[in-house]
Amino acid sequence: MHLYIYSLEKKIYEGESSSITLPTTSGEITVLPEHIPLVTTLSKGTIKFITSSETRKETILGGFAEIKSDSVILLVK
């Protein structure tokens, strides 16, 4: 699935990912391809995502996530 991570200052990441773990205000969730559509708020914590070549982590202070079956858009601070 395609992952977009943006902050107000810059594009943090844009590319393919097979798994994304997000810190939400309701607890941590893992998003896999074909996930049900969801909009959620993000809490302070670490985003973990797997690309074809590595596992990456980004620390955030909060934000919003829009999850679709083939893409995830994260607006973070």
PDB file of N, CA and C in Angstrom:
ATOM      1  N   MET A   1       0.842  -1.169   0.000  1.00  0.00           N
ATOM      2  CA  MET A   1       0.000   0.000   0.000  1.00  0.00           C
ATOM      3  C   MET A   1       0.887   1.231   0.000  1.00  0.00           C
ATOM      4  N   HIS A   2       0.337   2.326  -0.490  1.00  0.00           N
ATOM      5  CA  HIS A   2       1.122   3.553  -0.577  1.00  0.00           C
ATOM      6  C   HIS A   2       0.976   4.338   0.724  1.00  0.00           C
ATOM      7  N   LEU A   3       2.104   4.815   1.247  1.00  0.00           N
ATOM      8  CA  LEU A   3       2.132   5.558   2.499  1.00  0.00           C
ATOM      9  C   LEU A   3       2.638   6.973   2.237  1.00  0.00           C
ATOM     10  N   TYR A   4       1.894   7.941   2.752  1.00  0.00           N
ATOM     11  CA  TYR A   4       2.280   9.355   2.683  1.00  0.00           C
ATOM     12  C   TYR A   4       2.365   9.872   4.113  1.00  0.00           C
ATOM     13  N   ILE A   5       3.504  10.454   4.483  1.00  0.00           N
ATOM     14  CA  ILE A   5       3.651  11.068   5.803  1.00  0.00           C
ATOM     15  C   ILE A   5       4.089  12.512   5.589  1.00  0.00           C
ATOM     16  N   TYR A   6       3.252  13.450   6.059  1.00  0.00           N
ATOM     17  CA  TYR A   6       3.533  14.868   5.900  1.00  0.00           C
ATOM     18  C   TYR A   6       3.452  15.589   7.240  1.00  0.00           C
ATOM     19  N   SER A   7       4.349  16.563   7.422  1.00  0.00           N
ATOM     20  CA  SER A   7       4.232  17.504   8.530  1.00  0.00           C
ATOM     21  C   SER A   7       3.967  18.877   7.903  1.00  0.00           C
ATOM     22  N   LEU A   8       3.752  19.897   8.716  1.00  0.00           N
ATOM     23  CA  LEU A   8       3.545  21.233   8.171  1.00  0.00           C
ATOM     24  C   LEU A   8       4.789  21.743   7.453  1.00  0.00           C
ATOM     25  N   GLU A   9       5.957  21.294   7.876  1.00  0.00           N
ATOM     26  CA  GLU A   9       7.206  21.793   7.329  1.00  0.00           C
ATOM     27  C   GLU A   9       7.686  21.059   6.086  1.00  0.00           C
ATOM     28  N   LYS A  10       7.386  19.734   5.978  1.00  0.00           N
ATOM     29  CA  LYS A  10       7.998  18.965   4.896  1.00  0.00           C
ATOM     30  C   LYS A  10       7.289  17.630   4.678  1.00  0.00           C
ATOM     31  N   LYS A  11       7.652  17.010   3.567  1.00  0.00           N
ATOM     32  CA  LYS A  11       7.238  15.637   3.305  1.00  0.00           C
ATOM     33  C   LYS A  11       8.239  14.735   4.021  1.00  0.00           C
ATOM     34  N   ILE A  12       7.758  13.889   4.905  1.00  0.00           N
ATOM     35  CA  ILE A  12       8.644  13.008   5.666  1.00  0.00           C
ATOM     36  C   ILE A  12       8.918  11.720   4.902  1.00  0.00           C
ATOM     37  N   TYR A  13       7.870  11.148   4.311  1.00  0.00           N
ATOM     38  CA  TYR A  13       8.041   9.892   3.557  1.00  0.00           C
ATOM     39  C   TYR A  13       6.898   9.750   2.563  1.00  0.00           C
ATOM     40  N   GLU A  14       7.213   9.200   1.408  1.00  0.00           N
ATOM     41  CA  GLU A  14       6.205   8.821   0.427  1.00  0.00           C
ATOM     42  C   GLU A  14       6.728   7.596  -0.302  1.00  0.00           C
ATOM     43  N   GLY A  15       5.987   6.491  -0.211  1.00  0.00           N
ATOM     44  CA  GLY A  15       6.416   5.268  -0.869  1.00  0.00           C
ATOM     45  C   GLY A  15       5.567   4.084  -0.449  1.00  0.00           C
ATOM     46  N   GLU A  16       5.982   2.920  -0.881  1.00  0.00           N
ATOM     47  CA  GLU A  16       5.253   1.691  -0.596  1.00  0.00           C
ATOM     48  C   GLU A  16       5.624   1.141   0.785  1.00  0.00           C
ATOM     49  N   SER A  17       4.642   0.537   1.434  1.00  0.00           N
ATOM     50  CA  SER A  17       4.851  -0.076   2.743  1.00  0.00           C
ATOM     51  C   SER A  17       3.944  -1.296   2.857  1.00  0.00           C
ATOM     52  N   SER A  18       4.445  -2.344   3.490  1.00  0.00           N
ATOM     53  CA  SER A  18       3.634  -3.557   3.643  1.00  0.00           C
ATOM     54  C   SER A  18       2.931  -3.620   4.992  1.00  0.00           C
ATOM     55  N   SER A  19       3.379  -2.805   5.957  1.00  0.00           N
ATOM     56  CA  SER A  19       2.782  -2.787   7.294  1.00  0.00           C
ATOM     57  C   SER A  19       3.099  -1.450   7.950  1.00  0.00           C
ATOM     58  N   ILE A  20       2.087  -0.873   8.627  1.00  0.00           N
ATOM     59  CA  ILE A  20       2.263   0.415   9.297  1.00  0.00           C
ATOM     60  C   ILE A  20       1.647   0.316  10.687  1.00  0.00           C
ATOM     61  N   THR A  21       2.423   0.630  11.712  1.00  0.00           N
ATOM     62  CA  THR A  21       1.919   0.628  13.083  1.00  0.00           C
ATOM     63  C   THR A  21       1.829   2.076  13.552  1.00  0.00           C
ATOM     64  N   LEU A  22       0.640   2.447  14.052  1.00  0.00           N
ATOM     65  CA  LEU A  22       0.358   3.833  14.409  1.00  0.00           C
ATOM     66  C   LEU A  22      -0.052   3.971  15.873  1.00  0.00           C
ATOM     67  N   PRO A  23       0.420   5.033  16.549  1.00  0.00           N
ATOM     68  CA  PRO A  23      -0.052   5.324  17.912  1.00  0.00           C
ATOM     69  C   PRO A  23      -1.315   6.185  17.837  1.00  0.00           C
ATOM     70  N   THR A  24      -2.468   5.612  18.070  1.00  0.00           N
ATOM     71  CA  THR A  24      -3.711   6.390  18.021  1.00  0.00           C
ATOM     72  C   THR A  24      -4.137   6.743  19.435  1.00  0.00           C
ATOM     73  N   THR A  25      -5.112   7.624  19.549  1.00  0.00           N
ATOM     74  CA  THR A  25      -5.611   8.005  20.870  1.00  0.00           C
ATOM     75  C   THR A  25      -6.375   6.861  21.533  1.00  0.00           C
ATOM     76  N   SER A  26      -6.749   5.842  20.759  1.00  0.00           N
ATOM     77  CA  SER A  26      -7.440   4.666  21.312  1.00  0.00           C
ATOM     78  C   SER A  26      -6.501   3.492  21.535  1.00  0.00           C
ATOM     79  N   GLY A  27      -5.218   3.674  21.260  1.00  0.00           N
ATOM     80  CA  GLY A  27      -4.235   2.599  21.374  1.00  0.00           C
ATOM     81  C   GLY A  27      -3.514   2.385  20.053  1.00  0.00           C
ATOM     82  N   GLU A  28      -2.553   1.506  20.067  1.00  0.00           N
ATOM     83  CA  GLU A  28      -1.745   1.242  18.892  1.00  0.00           C
ATOM     84  C   GLU A  28      -2.496   0.344  17.911  1.00  0.00           C
ATOM     85  N   ILE A  29      -2.434   0.677  16.606  1.00  0.00           N
ATOM     86  CA  ILE A  29      -3.034  -0.173  15.591  1.00  0.00           C
ATOM     87  C   ILE A  29      -2.007  -0.481  14.507  1.00  0.00           C
ATOM     88  N   THR A  30      -2.162  -1.616  13.857  1.00  0.00           N
ATOM     89  CA  THR A  30      -1.326  -1.988  12.720  1.00  0.00           C
ATOM     90  C   THR A  30      -2.213  -2.058  11.492  1.00  0.00           C
ATOM     91  N   VAL A  31      -1.769  -1.399  10.438  1.00  0.00           N
ATOM     92  CA  VAL A  31      -2.518  -1.333   9.188  1.00  0.00           C
ATOM     93  C   VAL A  31      -1.812  -2.208   8.157  1.00  0.00           C
ATOM     94  N   LEU A  32      -2.574  -3.098   7.536  1.00  0.00           N
ATOM     95  CA  LEU A  32      -2.071  -3.976   6.479  1.00  0.00           C
ATOM     96  C   LEU A  32      -2.849  -3.666   5.200  1.00  0.00           C
ATOM     97  N   PRO A  33      -2.364  -4.114   4.033  1.00  0.00           N
ATOM     98  CA  PRO A  33      -3.115  -3.895   2.795  1.00  0.00           C
ATOM     99  C   PRO A  33      -4.550  -4.405   2.915  1.00  0.00           C
ATOM    100  N   GLU A  34      -5.474  -3.711   2.258  1.00  0.00           N
ATOM    101  CA  GLU A  34      -6.908  -4.025   2.260  1.00  0.00           C
ATOM    102  C   GLU A  34      -7.576  -3.733   3.608  1.00  0.00           C
ATOM    103  N   HIS A  35      -6.989  -2.866   4.412  1.00  0.00           N
ATOM    104  CA  HIS A  35      -7.591  -2.455   5.683  1.00  0.00           C
ATOM    105  C   HIS A  35      -8.903  -1.728   5.410  1.00  0.00           C
ATOM    106  N   ILE A  36      -9.841  -1.828   6.328  1.00  0.00           N
ATOM    107  CA  ILE A  36     -11.097  -1.103   6.158  1.00  0.00           C
ATOM    108  C   ILE A  36     -10.834   0.404   6.233  1.00  0.00           C
ATOM    109  N   PRO A  37     -11.605   1.215   5.527  1.00  0.00           N
ATOM    110  CA  PRO A  37     -11.422   2.662   5.595  1.00  0.00           C
ATOM    111  C   PRO A  37     -11.621   3.180   7.022  1.00  0.00           C
ATOM    112  N   LEU A  38     -10.758   4.126   7.410  1.00  0.00           N
ATOM    113  CA  LEU A  38     -10.767   4.619   8.782  1.00  0.00           C
ATOM    114  C   LEU A  38     -10.114   5.992   8.818  1.00  0.00           C
ATOM    115  N   VAL A  39     -10.665   6.891   9.621  1.00  0.00           N
ATOM    116  CA  VAL A  39     -10.027   8.161   9.931  1.00  0.00           C
ATOM    117  C   VAL A  39      -9.863   8.190  11.435  1.00  0.00           C
ATOM    118  N   THR A  40      -8.638   8.499  11.903  1.00  0.00           N
ATOM    119  CA  THR A  40      -8.378   8.480  13.338  1.00  0.00           C
ATOM    120  C   THR A  40      -7.377   9.567  13.712  1.00  0.00           C
ATOM    121  N   THR A  41      -7.380   9.945  14.976  1.00  0.00           N
ATOM    122  CA  THR A  41      -6.384  10.887  15.483  1.00  0.00           C
ATOM    123  C   THR A  41      -5.179  10.095  15.974  1.00  0.00           C
ATOM    124  N   LEU A  42      -4.019  10.689  15.819  1.00  0.00           N
ATOM    125  CA  LEU A  42      -2.778  10.070  16.267  1.00  0.00           C
ATOM    126  C   LEU A  42      -2.311  10.743  17.551  1.00  0.00           C
ATOM    127  N   SER A  43      -1.707   9.961  18.423  1.00  0.00           N
ATOM    128  CA  SER A  43      -1.177  10.510  19.665  1.00  0.00           C
ATOM    129  C   SER A  43       0.346  10.529  19.598  1.00  0.00           C
ATOM    130  N   LYS A  44       0.951  11.103  20.607  1.00  0.00           N
ATOM    131  CA  LYS A  44       2.415  11.150  20.695  1.00  0.00           C
ATOM    132  C   LYS A  44       2.943   9.729  20.731  1.00  0.00           C
ATOM    133  N   GLY A  45       3.968   9.456  19.926  1.00  0.00           N
ATOM    134  CA  GLY A  45       4.545   8.114  19.890  1.00  0.00           C
ATOM    135  C   GLY A  45       5.381   7.901  18.646  1.00  0.00           C
ATOM    136  N   THR A  46       5.502   6.649  18.243  1.00  0.00           N
ATOM    137  CA  THR A  46       6.348   6.273  17.122  1.00  0.00           C
ATOM    138  C   THR A  46       5.542   5.558  16.050  1.00  0.00           C
ATOM    139  N   ILE A  47       5.703   6.020  14.816  1.00  0.00           N
ATOM    140  CA  ILE A  47       5.146   5.330  13.657  1.00  0.00           C
ATOM    141  C   ILE A  47       6.201   4.332  13.207  1.00  0.00           C
ATOM    142  N   LYS A  48       5.804   3.083  13.012  1.00  0.00           N
ATOM    143  CA  LYS A  48       6.729   2.055  12.517  1.00  0.00           C
ATOM    144  C   LYS A  48       6.169   1.537  11.203  1.00  0.00           C
ATOM    145  N   PHE A  49       6.998   1.498  10.159  1.00  0.00           N
ATOM    146  CA  PHE A  49       6.522   0.981   8.881  1.00  0.00           C
ATOM    147  C   PHE A  49       7.613   0.199   8.170  1.00  0.00           C
ATOM    148  N   ILE A  50       7.168  -0.808   7.418  1.00  0.00           N
ATOM    149  CA  ILE A  50       8.077  -1.714   6.727  1.00  0.00           C
ATOM    150  C   ILE A  50       8.033  -1.398   5.242  1.00  0.00           C
ATOM    151  N   THR A  51       9.201  -1.087   4.672  1.00  0.00           N
ATOM    152  CA  THR A  51       9.325  -0.880   3.231  1.00  0.00           C
ATOM    153  C   THR A  51       9.945  -2.138   2.641  1.00  0.00           C
ATOM    154  N   SER A  52      10.203  -2.125   1.352  1.00  0.00           N
ATOM    155  CA  SER A  52      10.798  -3.306   0.717  1.00  0.00           C
ATOM    156  C   SER A  52      12.238  -3.554   1.174  1.00  0.00           C
ATOM    157  N   SER A  53      12.892  -2.516   1.700  1.00  0.00           N
ATOM    158  CA  SER A  53      14.303  -2.675   2.063  1.00  0.00           C
ATOM    159  C   SER A  53      14.615  -2.490   3.546  1.00  0.00           C
ATOM    160  N   GLU A  54      13.670  -1.977   4.339  1.00  0.00           N
ATOM    161  CA  GLU A  54      13.989  -1.703   5.736  1.00  0.00           C
ATOM    162  C   GLU A  54      12.737  -1.506   6.586  1.00  0.00           C
ATOM    163  N   THR A  55      12.941  -1.497   7.892  1.00  0.00           N
ATOM    164  CA  THR A  55      11.908  -1.097   8.840  1.00  0.00           C
ATOM    165  C   THR A  55      12.283   0.293   9.330  1.00  0.00           C
ATOM    166  N   ARG A  56      11.359   1.235   9.212  1.00  0.00           N
ATOM    167  CA  ARG A  56      11.635   2.621   9.594  1.00  0.00           C
ATOM    168  C   ARG A  56      10.770   3.041  10.762  1.00  0.00           C
ATOM    169  N   LYS A  57      11.250   4.032  11.498  1.00  0.00           N
ATOM    170  CA  LYS A  57      10.517   4.599  12.625  1.00  0.00           C
ATOM    171  C   LYS A  57      10.583   6.111  12.544  1.00  0.00           C
ATOM    172  N   GLU A  58       9.453   6.744  12.861  1.00  0.00           N
ATOM    173  CA  GLU A  58       9.378   8.207  12.934  1.00  0.00           C
ATOM    174  C   GLU A  58       8.639   8.569  14.212  1.00  0.00           C
ATOM    175  N   THR A  59       9.221   9.429  15.022  1.00  0.00           N
ATOM    176  CA  THR A  59       8.578   9.889  16.252  1.00  0.00           C
ATOM    177  C   THR A  59       7.693  11.086  15.927  1.00  0.00           C
ATOM    178  N   ILE A  60       6.456  11.069  16.465  1.00  0.00           N
ATOM    179  CA  ILE A  60       5.517  12.158  16.208  1.00  0.00           C
ATOM    180  C   ILE A  60       4.945  12.674  17.532  1.00  0.00           C
ATOM    181  N   LEU A  61       4.373  13.868  17.473  1.00  0.00           N
ATOM    182  CA  LEU A  61       3.725  14.456  18.644  1.00  0.00           C
ATOM    183  C   LEU A  61       2.207  14.348  18.577  1.00  0.00           C
ATOM    184  N   GLY A  62       1.685  13.890  17.438  1.00  0.00           N
ATOM    185  CA  GLY A  62       0.247  13.757  17.231  1.00  0.00           C
ATOM    186  C   GLY A  62      -0.077  13.980  15.774  1.00  0.00           C
ATOM    187  N   GLY A  63      -1.382  13.965  15.451  1.00  0.00           N
ATOM    188  CA  GLY A  63      -1.795  14.219  14.077  1.00  0.00           C
ATOM    189  C   GLY A  63      -3.061  13.466  13.724  1.00  0.00           C
ATOM    190  N   PHE A  64      -3.218  13.220  12.413  1.00  0.00           N
ATOM    191  CA  PHE A  64      -4.398  12.547  11.890  1.00  0.00           C
ATOM    192  C   PHE A  64      -3.986  11.516  10.852  1.00  0.00           C
ATOM    193  N   ALA A  65      -4.794  10.459  10.715  1.00  0.00           N
ATOM    194  CA  ALA A  65      -4.548   9.415   9.722  1.00  0.00           C
ATOM    195  C   ALA A  65      -5.817   9.154   8.938  1.00  0.00           C
ATOM    196  N   GLU A  66      -5.672   9.054   7.615  1.00  0.00           N
ATOM    197  CA  GLU A  66      -6.753   8.588   6.752  1.00  0.00           C
ATOM    198  C   GLU A  66      -6.274   7.278   6.130  1.00  0.00           C
ATOM    199  N   ILE A  67      -6.998   6.214   6.429  1.00  0.00           N
ATOM    200  CA  ILE A  67      -6.622   4.883   5.973  1.00  0.00           C
ATOM    201  C   ILE A  67      -7.635   4.422   4.937  1.00  0.00           C
ATOM    202  N   LYS A  68      -7.129   3.992   3.788  1.00  0.00           N
ATOM    203  CA  LYS A  68      -7.952   3.397   2.737  1.00  0.00           C
ATOM    204  C   LYS A  68      -7.401   2.006   2.460  1.00  0.00           C
ATOM    205  N   SER A  69      -8.072   1.245   1.625  1.00  0.00           N
ATOM    206  CA  SER A  69      -7.627  -0.131   1.375  1.00  0.00           C
ATOM    207  C   SER A  69      -6.269  -0.194   0.691  1.00  0.00           C
ATOM    208  N   ASP A  70      -5.889   0.847  -0.053  1.00  0.00           N
ATOM    209  CA  ASP A  70      -4.628   0.817  -0.787  1.00  0.00           C
ATOM    210  C   ASP A  70      -3.667   1.953  -0.446  1.00  0.00           C
ATOM    211  N   SER A  71      -4.051   2.812   0.523  1.00  0.00           N
ATOM    212  CA  SER A  71      -3.166   3.928   0.879  1.00  0.00           C
ATOM    213  C   SER A  71      -3.439   4.408   2.299  1.00  0.00           C
ATOM    214  N   VAL A  72      -2.410   5.055   2.852  1.00  0.00           N
ATOM    215  CA  VAL A  72      -2.503   5.652   4.188  1.00  0.00           C
ATOM    216  C   VAL A  72      -1.878   7.045   4.096  1.00  0.00           C
ATOM    217  N   ILE A  73      -2.630   8.061   4.533  1.00  0.00           N
ATOM    218  CA  ILE A  73      -2.129   9.433   4.554  1.00  0.00           C
ATOM    219  C   ILE A  73      -2.044   9.873   6.010  1.00  0.00           C
ATOM    220  N   LEU A  74      -0.859  10.302   6.425  1.00  0.00           N
ATOM    221  CA  LEU A  74      -0.630  10.754   7.795  1.00  0.00           C
ATOM    222  C   LEU A  74      -0.239  12.230   7.786  1.00  0.00           C
ATOM    223  N   LEU A  75      -0.972  13.031   8.538  1.00  0.00           N
ATOM    224  CA  LEU A  75      -0.628  14.429   8.748  1.00  0.00           C
ATOM    225  C   LEU A  75      -0.179  14.539  10.193  1.00  0.00           C
ATOM    226  N   VAL A  76       1.110  14.797  10.410  1.00  0.00           N
ATOM    227  CA  VAL A  76       1.678  14.693  11.749  1.00  0.00           C
ATOM    228  C   VAL A  76       2.350  15.990  12.176  1.00  0.00           C
ATOM    229  N   LYS A  77       2.562  16.066  13.498  1.00  0.00           N
ATOM    230  CA  LYS A  77       3.345  17.175  14.043  1.00  0.00           C
ATOM    231  C   LYS A  77       4.431  16.630  14.916  1.00  0.00           C
TER     232      LYS A  77
END
